[in-house]
Amino acid sequence: MGDVATARRGTNLPRMGDFNRSVIFDAIRRAPEGRSRVELVEISGLSTQTVSNIARWLLDQELVVEAGKERAGIGKPRTLLRLNRTGMFAVGVHIDPAVMTFVVLDLVGGVVAHSRRRTPKANRPERVMALIHDGIEQLIADSAVPRDKIVGVGVAAPGPIDQERGTIVDPPHLVDWHRVPLRDALETSTGLPVLVDKDVTAAAVAETWAGGASGAGSFVFVYLGTGVGAGLVMHDELMRGVSGNAGEVGHIITDPDGPVCWCGQRGCVAVTCTPQAMVEEAERAEVIAETRHAGSLLRDARDVDAQFTRLCRAAEGGDAAAGDILNRAAERTARAVAVLTNVLDVDRVVFGGPMWQRVSERYLERIPPHLDAFSATGALRRVPVVGTGVGDDVGAIGAACLVLEHTFTPSAARLLLGH
């Protein structure tokens, strides 16, 4: 029942109750059909008494429910435990330079409420924060979820992020966002706990929590939004890095003869694989008409979004030059992804993000053979490439999942530090 191989192991050492609760909760979460107490003992390594006590606590907290019985051979049928969908909720906010997305998630990762707002001029962070607060409050009201059942708010934004201070540090597409104290401002205005993290990190967490089979084990999540980034998951645990900013792939070289990047190198991901890079190549080739924003280093994200849509539609309509630009970007992206898969040796690559759907069919056709060609382990196995199981709002859903993950998922840090 479920995937026993991915279940975390607990410890019977004293003072590890919180970690053990997380282990049992996570084991139940990974089996939507439910798990019995006997099975939880087998896969967690905890004693029967410890599992029984934790199960009673989870039931008392209304985080799990008893969901029928199963018969396993001779003897008394076993009672199954399953997550209580309405036991707890989380709010997620994704700040994209073009649009802000808001969701309320239930405990199993289902979207209860959803809304979008255009992001105002990014050089006014105080205005953006006020709109985020209003969006959160309106969505909570619309969802009819009791406020005391909301465990917190997760905010996903372009990195880098200072996690210790909860600030956004000079993201390339949000002008004047220098150490904006987003976490503290929202905690004060909403009265709810707030977590702030990178959008690519949030997307990877969303895949582990709500993506189904594509979010199990070890994978690279390639995030295609205003920029390109990567979320890294190894053995079901997110790899954050020392500062919490792992996955910055913008300066991996994909084409040594490509455009010059602002870092001084040629052919970086930032100038070959991003939607803005594709749009600017299309404008130079007169595949699509230039706009007044053409040539700007920090180009308006909404303009890039609109121009990228025009480029993708031209390719879908049979424009060979437009198709060539997207195909070239797919090959370059495969080169960058191969660097990560060769280093990490993961189960699969997952693509997603707000721009993903526009190129998904083309990329899923063209990236796998290129990845095979660049793979160091190609003689042993192929690395599967799939689209996200979460959908277009993976950033916002991931932001809410960050709260659920932080609250309920076991980690090595929680075991070692006892928190």
Protein backbone atom coordinates (compact mmCIF):
# COMPACT_ATOMS: atom_id res chain seq x y z
CA MET A 1 0.00 0.00 0.00
CA GLY A 2 1.52 3.35 -1.03
CA ASP A 3 5.24 3.70 -1.71
CA VAL A 4 6.99 2.19 1.30
CA ALA A 5 10.40 2.90 -0.23
CA THR A 6 9.94 6.65 0.09
CA ALA A 7 8.69 6.65 3.69
CA ARG A 8 10.83 8.41 6.32
CA ARG A 9 12.16 6.53 9.35
CA GLY A 10 11.46 7.77 12.85
CA THR A 11 13.47 7.44 16.04
CA ASN A 12 12.57 6.02 19.44
CA LEU A 13 15.02 8.35 21.18
CA PRO A 14 13.52 10.67 23.82
CA ARG A 15 12.54 14.29 23.01
CA MET A 16 11.93 13.55 19.33
CA GLY A 17 8.13 13.61 19.46
CA ASP A 18 7.74 16.45 16.94
CA PHE A 19 9.98 14.72 14.42
CA ASN A 20 8.18 11.42 14.88
CA ARG A 21 4.80 13.10 14.43
CA SER A 22 6.12 14.54 11.17
CA VAL A 23 7.32 11.10 10.05
CA ILE A 24 3.91 9.53 10.68
CA PHE A 25 2.02 12.45 9.16
CA ASP A 26 4.24 12.32 6.07
CA ALA A 27 3.76 8.56 5.71
CA ILE A 28 -0.03 9.00 5.81
CA ARG A 29 0.15 11.92 3.38
CA ARG A 30 2.01 9.83 0.83
CA ALA A 31 -0.76 7.21 0.74
CA PRO A 32 -3.99 8.92 -0.39
CA GLU A 33 -5.86 5.64 0.05
CA GLY A 34 -4.83 5.56 3.73
CA ARG A 35 -2.47 3.58 5.95
CA SER A 36 -3.07 1.40 8.98
CA ARG A 37 -1.24 1.74 12.29
CA VAL A 38 0.41 -1.64 11.67
CA GLU A 39 1.79 -0.43 8.35
CA LEU A 40 2.98 2.81 9.95
CA VAL A 41 4.95 0.81 12.52
CA GLU A 42 6.53 -1.26 9.74
CA ILE A 43 7.62 1.61 7.54
CA SER A 44 8.61 4.15 10.24
CA GLY A 45 10.60 1.89 12.55
CA LEU A 46 8.77 3.35 15.54
CA SER A 47 7.32 1.26 18.34
CA THR A 48 3.66 0.24 18.30
CA GLN A 49 3.01 2.41 21.37
CA THR A 50 4.69 5.46 19.81
CA VAL A 51 2.67 5.13 16.60
CA SER A 52 -0.54 4.62 18.57
CA ASN A 53 0.10 7.76 20.64
CA ILE A 54 0.94 9.84 17.56
CA ALA A 55 -2.13 8.56 15.69
CA ARG A 56 -4.34 9.54 18.64
CA TRP A 57 -2.74 13.01 18.72
CA LEU A 58 -3.26 13.50 14.96
CA LEU A 59 -6.90 12.40 15.32
CA ASP A 60 -7.44 14.75 18.27
CA GLN A 61 -5.97 17.63 16.26
CA GLU A 62 -8.31 16.72 13.35
CA LEU A 63 -5.32 16.39 11.02
CA VAL A 64 -6.25 12.80 10.12
CA VAL A 65 -9.47 10.81 10.08
CA GLU A 66 -10.27 7.12 10.31
CA ALA A 67 -11.29 6.15 6.78
CA GLY A 68 -12.63 2.64 6.68
CA LYS A 69 -10.97 -0.71 7.22
CA GLU A 70 -8.86 -3.15 5.26
CA ARG A 71 -8.49 -6.88 5.77
CA ALA A 72 -4.90 -8.15 5.64
CA GLY A 73 -5.04 -11.92 5.99
CA ILE A 74 -6.45 -13.62 9.06
CA GLY A 75 -7.45 -11.48 11.99
CA LYS A 76 -9.19 -8.25 12.82
CA PRO A 77 -9.55 -5.73 9.96
CA ARG A 78 -7.16 -2.80 10.21
CA THR A 79 -8.45 0.76 10.49
CA LEU A 80 -7.02 3.11 7.86
CA LEU A 81 -5.82 6.64 8.64
CA ARG A 82 -6.07 9.32 5.97
CA LEU A 83 -5.41 13.06 5.94
CA ASN A 84 -8.37 15.21 6.89
CA ARG A 85 -8.70 17.53 3.91
CA THR A 86 -10.33 20.27 6.01
CA GLY A 87 -8.09 19.81 9.05
CA MET A 88 -5.82 22.73 8.16
CA PHE A 89 -5.35 25.27 5.37
CA ALA A 90 -2.56 27.47 4.01
CA VAL A 91 -2.49 30.61 1.86
CA GLY A 92 -0.05 30.92 -1.02
CA VAL A 93 1.01 34.03 -2.93
CA HIS A 94 3.20 34.10 -6.02
CA ILE A 95 4.72 37.47 -6.91
CA ASP A 96 5.59 37.41 -10.58
CA PRO A 97 6.72 40.68 -12.18
CA ALA A 98 3.68 40.42 -14.49
CA VAL A 99 0.92 38.96 -12.28
CA MET A 100 0.27 38.05 -8.64
CA THR A 101 -1.54 34.76 -7.95
CA PHE A 102 -3.28 33.87 -4.69
CA VAL A 103 -4.53 30.46 -3.52
CA VAL A 104 -5.94 28.81 -0.42
CA LEU A 105 -4.97 25.13 -0.15
CA ASP A 106 -6.44 22.39 1.97
CA LEU A 107 -4.27 19.88 3.80
CA VAL A 108 -3.92 17.50 0.84
CA GLY A 109 -2.92 20.29 -1.54
CA GLY A 110 -6.31 20.90 -3.14
CA VAL A 111 -7.10 24.46 -4.26
CA VAL A 112 -10.03 25.82 -2.25
CA ALA A 113 -9.93 29.39 -3.58
CA HIS A 114 -7.94 31.20 -6.28
CA SER A 115 -7.50 34.73 -7.61
CA ARG A 116 -5.14 36.81 -9.74
CA ARG A 117 -4.16 40.47 -9.84
CA ARG A 118 -1.88 42.37 -12.19
CA THR A 119 1.39 43.30 -10.51
CA PRO A 120 1.68 47.09 -10.33
CA LYS A 121 4.87 48.95 -11.16
CA ALA A 122 7.51 46.87 -9.39
CA ASN A 123 9.53 49.98 -8.39
CA ARG A 124 6.87 50.67 -5.72
CA PRO A 125 7.25 47.72 -3.34
CA GLU A 126 5.06 49.34 -0.67
CA ARG A 127 2.18 49.44 -3.17
CA VAL A 128 2.75 45.80 -4.10
CA MET A 129 2.77 44.77 -0.41
CA ALA A 130 -0.50 46.61 0.20
CA LEU A 131 -2.11 44.81 -2.73
CA ILE A 132 -0.78 41.46 -1.47
CA HIS A 133 -2.38 42.09 1.91
CA ASP A 134 -5.68 43.04 0.28
CA GLY A 135 -5.52 39.97 -1.97
CA ILE A 136 -4.90 37.65 0.97
CA GLU A 137 -7.74 39.08 3.04
CA GLN A 138 -10.19 39.02 0.14
CA LEU A 139 -9.35 35.42 -0.74
CA ILE A 140 -9.70 34.22 2.85
CA ALA A 141 -13.10 35.89 3.02
CA ASP A 142 -14.17 34.39 -0.31
CA SER A 143 -13.00 30.90 0.70
CA ALA A 144 -15.11 30.88 3.88
CA VAL A 145 -12.28 29.01 5.60
CA PRO A 146 -12.21 29.70 9.37
CA ARG A 147 -9.22 31.92 10.06
CA ASP A 148 -8.11 29.81 13.02
CA LYS A 149 -7.63 26.88 10.64
CA ILE A 150 -5.13 28.78 8.46
CA VAL A 151 -1.66 27.69 9.54
CA GLY A 152 0.11 30.50 7.70
CA VAL A 153 0.94 32.36 4.48
CA GLY A 154 3.65 31.39 2.01
CA VAL A 155 5.04 33.94 -0.43
CA ALA A 156 7.04 32.89 -3.50
CA ALA A 157 9.03 35.54 -5.34
CA PRO A 158 12.01 35.78 -7.70
CA GLY A 159 15.27 35.28 -5.82
CA PRO A 160 17.62 35.82 -4.22
CA ILE A 161 15.88 35.64 -0.83
CA ASP A 162 17.32 36.36 2.61
CA GLN A 163 15.40 33.68 4.50
CA GLU A 164 16.68 34.65 7.92
CA ARG A 165 15.28 38.16 7.58
CA GLY A 166 12.39 37.34 5.26
CA THR A 167 13.49 39.86 2.66
CA ILE A 168 13.72 39.90 -1.13
CA VAL A 169 17.22 40.94 -2.19
CA ASP A 170 17.54 42.77 -5.52
CA PRO A 171 15.66 40.32 -7.78
CA PRO A 172 16.54 41.08 -11.43
CA HIS A 173 12.97 41.70 -12.62
CA LEU A 174 11.64 43.65 -9.60
CA VAL A 175 13.26 47.06 -9.77
CA ASP A 176 14.02 48.80 -6.43
CA TRP A 177 13.24 45.69 -4.38
CA HIS A 178 16.40 46.01 -2.29
CA ARG A 179 15.93 43.98 0.91
CA VAL A 180 12.20 44.62 1.01
CA PRO A 181 10.98 43.35 4.45
CA LEU A 182 8.11 41.36 2.98
CA ARG A 183 7.73 38.75 5.73
CA ASP A 184 7.58 41.21 8.64
CA ALA A 185 5.23 43.57 6.81
CA LEU A 186 2.75 40.81 5.96
CA GLU A 187 2.93 39.21 9.41
CA THR A 188 2.08 42.58 10.92
CA SER A 189 -0.76 43.34 8.51
CA THR A 190 -2.37 39.86 8.44
CA GLY A 191 -1.60 38.57 11.92
CA LEU A 192 -0.58 35.24 10.35
CA PRO A 193 2.82 33.51 10.24
CA VAL A 194 4.54 34.20 6.91
CA LEU A 195 7.26 32.29 5.02
CA VAL A 196 9.09 33.86 2.08
CA ASP A 197 10.99 31.72 -0.42
CA LYS A 198 12.13 31.61 -4.03
CA ASP A 199 9.51 30.81 -6.65
CA VAL A 200 11.59 27.94 -8.04
CA THR A 201 11.92 26.44 -4.55
CA ALA A 202 8.19 26.79 -4.00
CA ALA A 203 7.48 25.06 -7.31
CA ALA A 204 9.62 22.08 -6.33
CA VAL A 205 7.83 21.82 -2.98
CA ALA A 206 4.47 21.96 -4.76
CA GLU A 207 5.52 19.01 -6.89
CA THR A 208 6.46 16.95 -3.82
CA TRP A 209 3.22 17.83 -2.02
CA ALA A 210 0.63 17.87 -4.79
CA GLY A 211 2.30 16.66 -7.99
CA GLY A 212 1.65 12.94 -7.60
CA ALA A 213 4.17 10.50 -9.09
CA SER A 214 6.27 13.25 -10.68
CA GLY A 215 7.04 14.66 -7.22
CA ALA A 216 8.47 11.50 -5.64
CA GLY A 217 12.11 10.59 -5.11
CA SER A 218 14.81 12.78 -6.66
CA PHE A 219 14.18 15.31 -9.41
CA VAL A 220 15.12 18.66 -10.89
CA PHE A 221 12.22 21.07 -11.30
CA VAL A 222 12.96 23.47 -14.17
CA TYR A 223 10.95 26.64 -13.69
CA LEU A 224 10.07 28.65 -16.79
CA GLY A 225 8.75 32.04 -15.79
CA THR A 226 10.05 35.54 -16.39
CA GLY A 227 13.43 33.89 -15.84
CA VAL A 228 14.61 30.29 -15.67
CA GLY A 229 15.55 28.56 -12.42
CA ALA A 230 15.76 25.10 -10.90
CA GLY A 231 14.40 23.51 -7.75
CA LEU A 232 16.35 20.49 -6.52
CA VAL A 233 14.84 17.55 -4.62
CA MET A 234 16.91 14.57 -3.51
CA HIS A 235 15.32 11.54 -1.85
CA ASP A 236 12.10 13.48 -1.21
CA GLU A 237 13.91 16.32 0.55
CA LEU A 238 14.36 19.81 -0.88
CA MET A 239 17.95 20.95 -1.36
CA ARG A 240 18.05 24.62 -0.34
CA GLY A 241 21.77 25.34 -0.15
CA VAL A 242 23.64 27.22 2.58
CA SER A 243 21.80 30.52 2.03
CA GLY A 244 18.54 28.96 0.82
CA ASN A 245 19.17 30.10 -2.76
CA ALA A 246 20.18 26.88 -4.53
CA GLY A 247 19.05 26.54 -8.14
CA GLU A 248 20.31 29.77 -9.69
CA VAL A 249 21.11 28.49 -13.19
CA GLY A 250 21.14 31.77 -15.13
CA HIS A 251 24.88 31.67 -15.84
CA ILE A 252 25.29 28.09 -16.99
CA ILE A 253 26.70 28.38 -20.53
CA THR A 254 24.51 26.74 -23.15
CA ASP A 255 26.01 28.20 -26.34
CA PRO A 256 29.58 29.56 -26.42
CA ASP A 257 28.73 31.44 -29.62
CA GLY A 258 25.52 32.89 -28.17
CA PRO A 259 24.76 36.48 -27.10
CA VAL A 260 26.96 38.22 -24.54
CA CYS A 261 25.48 38.09 -21.05
CA TRP A 262 25.70 40.98 -18.59
CA CYS A 263 28.08 38.78 -16.55
CA GLY A 264 30.60 38.99 -19.43
CA GLN A 265 30.26 35.40 -20.64
CA ARG A 266 28.67 34.32 -23.90
CA GLY A 267 25.62 32.11 -24.18
CA CYS A 268 24.39 31.95 -20.57
CA VAL A 269 20.92 30.59 -19.79
CA ALA A 270 19.84 34.15 -18.97
CA VAL A 271 20.42 35.29 -22.57
CA THR A 272 19.60 32.09 -24.47
CA CYS A 273 16.79 30.20 -22.69
CA THR A 274 14.51 32.72 -20.99
CA PRO A 275 11.31 34.01 -22.61
CA GLN A 276 12.91 37.46 -22.86
CA ALA A 277 15.90 35.98 -24.71
CA MET A 278 13.58 34.20 -27.16
CA VAL A 279 11.49 37.33 -27.66
CA GLU A 280 14.52 39.49 -28.37
CA GLU A 281 15.90 36.97 -30.85
CA ALA A 282 12.51 36.96 -32.60
CA GLU A 283 12.42 40.77 -32.69
CA ARG A 284 15.92 40.98 -34.15
CA ALA A 285 14.90 38.49 -36.85
CA GLU A 286 11.65 40.46 -37.41
CA VAL A 287 9.60 37.36 -36.66
CA ILE A 288 7.49 39.52 -34.35
CA ALA A 289 7.30 43.31 -34.32
CA GLU A 290 9.34 45.20 -31.73
CA THR A 291 7.63 47.13 -28.96
CA ARG A 292 8.85 50.30 -27.30
CA HIS A 293 10.45 48.15 -24.56
CA ALA A 294 12.74 46.30 -26.99
CA GLY A 295 16.44 46.41 -26.09
CA SER A 296 15.92 47.21 -22.40
CA LEU A 297 18.03 45.08 -20.06
CA LEU A 298 15.33 45.14 -17.36
CA ARG A 299 12.44 44.85 -19.76
CA ASP A 300 8.86 45.19 -18.54
CA ALA A 301 7.71 41.68 -17.63
CA ARG A 302 4.20 42.20 -18.96
CA ASP A 303 5.62 43.17 -22.33
CA VAL A 304 7.79 40.03 -22.38
CA ASP A 305 4.76 37.94 -21.48
CA ALA A 306 2.69 39.38 -24.34
CA GLN A 307 5.53 39.13 -26.88
CA PHE A 308 6.31 35.55 -25.85
CA THR A 309 2.68 34.63 -26.45
CA ARG A 310 2.90 36.18 -29.94
CA LEU A 311 6.06 34.21 -30.69
CA CYS A 312 4.55 30.90 -29.55
CA ARG A 313 1.38 31.53 -31.54
CA ALA A 314 3.45 32.28 -34.64
CA ALA A 315 5.28 28.98 -34.21
CA GLU A 316 2.03 27.09 -33.70
CA GLY A 317 0.68 28.74 -36.84
CA GLY A 318 3.50 27.30 -38.93
CA ASP A 319 5.99 30.19 -38.96
CA ALA A 320 9.26 28.32 -39.55
CA ALA A 321 11.48 31.09 -38.18
CA ALA A 322 9.46 31.28 -34.97
CA GLY A 323 9.63 27.51 -34.62
CA ASP A 324 13.41 27.56 -35.14
CA ILE A 325 13.84 30.06 -32.30
CA LEU A 326 11.83 27.89 -29.88
CA ASN A 327 13.61 24.73 -31.03
CA ARG A 328 16.99 26.36 -30.50
CA ALA A 329 15.94 27.43 -27.00
CA ALA A 330 14.81 23.85 -26.26
CA GLU A 331 18.22 22.46 -27.22
CA ARG A 332 20.02 25.10 -25.16
CA THR A 333 17.75 24.39 -22.20
CA ALA A 334 18.55 20.68 -22.52
CA ARG A 335 22.26 21.51 -22.29
CA ALA A 336 21.72 23.43 -19.06
CA VAL A 337 19.52 20.73 -17.61
CA ALA A 338 22.11 18.09 -18.49
CA VAL A 339 24.64 19.89 -16.29
CA LEU A 340 22.27 19.43 -13.33
CA THR A 341 21.25 15.85 -14.10
CA ASN A 342 24.86 14.78 -14.63
CA VAL A 343 25.87 16.24 -11.26
CA LEU A 344 22.84 15.04 -9.28
CA ASP A 345 21.86 11.76 -11.02
CA VAL A 346 18.13 12.27 -10.44
CA ASP A 347 15.08 10.15 -11.22
CA ARG A 348 13.52 12.67 -13.61
CA VAL A 349 13.27 16.27 -14.80
CA VAL A 350 10.01 18.15 -14.23
CA PHE A 351 9.17 21.32 -16.17
CA GLY A 352 6.64 23.92 -15.05
CA GLY A 353 6.00 27.56 -14.32
CA PRO A 354 3.75 30.31 -15.69
CA MET A 355 5.32 30.28 -19.19
CA TRP A 356 5.59 26.50 -19.47
CA GLN A 357 2.26 25.62 -21.03
CA ARG A 358 2.99 27.72 -24.12
CA VAL A 359 5.98 25.56 -25.08
CA SER A 360 5.17 22.31 -23.28
CA GLU A 361 4.31 20.20 -26.31
CA ARG A 362 7.38 21.34 -28.25
CA TYR A 363 9.76 21.01 -25.30
CA LEU A 364 8.50 17.56 -24.28
CA GLU A 365 9.14 16.40 -27.83
CA ARG A 366 12.55 18.03 -28.34
CA ILE A 367 14.30 18.15 -24.97
CA PRO A 368 14.43 14.38 -24.16
CA PRO A 369 16.58 13.36 -27.16
CA HIS A 370 18.96 16.28 -26.56
CA LEU A 371 19.15 15.41 -22.87
CA ASP A 372 19.94 11.81 -23.80
CA ALA A 373 22.77 13.02 -26.03
CA PHE A 374 24.27 15.20 -23.30
CA SER A 375 23.75 12.70 -20.45
CA ALA A 376 26.81 11.17 -18.76
CA THR A 377 24.77 8.07 -17.88
CA GLY A 378 23.07 7.67 -21.25
CA ALA A 379 24.49 4.17 -21.69
CA LEU A 380 22.81 3.10 -18.44
CA ARG A 381 19.43 4.78 -18.51
CA ARG A 382 17.34 7.61 -19.86
CA VAL A 383 16.32 10.50 -17.62
CA PRO A 384 12.55 10.99 -18.05
CA VAL A 385 11.28 14.49 -18.80
CA VAL A 386 7.73 15.36 -17.74
CA GLY A 387 5.49 18.37 -17.25
CA THR A 388 4.36 19.42 -13.79
CA GLY A 389 1.49 17.57 -12.19
CA VAL A 390 0.41 20.75 -10.39
CA GLY A 391 -0.56 23.10 -13.25
CA ASP A 392 0.11 26.70 -14.24
CA ASP A 393 -0.23 28.07 -10.71
CA VAL A 394 2.62 25.96 -9.38
CA GLY A 395 4.28 29.06 -7.87
CA ALA A 396 1.31 30.06 -5.72
CA ILE A 397 0.40 26.47 -4.87
CA GLY A 398 4.03 25.91 -3.96
CA ALA A 399 4.02 28.96 -1.71
CA ALA A 400 1.14 27.47 0.29
CA CYS A 401 2.84 24.06 0.24
CA LEU A 402 5.93 25.71 1.78
CA VAL A 403 3.84 26.42 4.86
CA LEU A 404 2.49 22.86 4.99
CA GLU A 405 5.96 21.43 4.38
CA HIS A 406 7.53 23.58 7.08
CA THR A 407 4.80 22.61 9.54
CA PHE A 408 4.40 18.91 8.85
CA THR A 409 7.25 17.37 6.83
CA PRO A 410 10.20 15.64 8.54
CA SER A 411 13.69 16.81 7.70
CA ALA A 412 17.22 16.04 8.77
CA ALA A 413 17.45 19.51 10.34
CA ARG A 414 14.37 18.88 12.46
CA LEU A 415 15.83 15.59 13.70
CA LEU A 416 19.28 16.98 14.45
CA LEU A 417 18.14 20.25 15.98
CA GLY A 418 14.98 19.04 17.65
CA HIS A 419 12.67 21.64 16.02
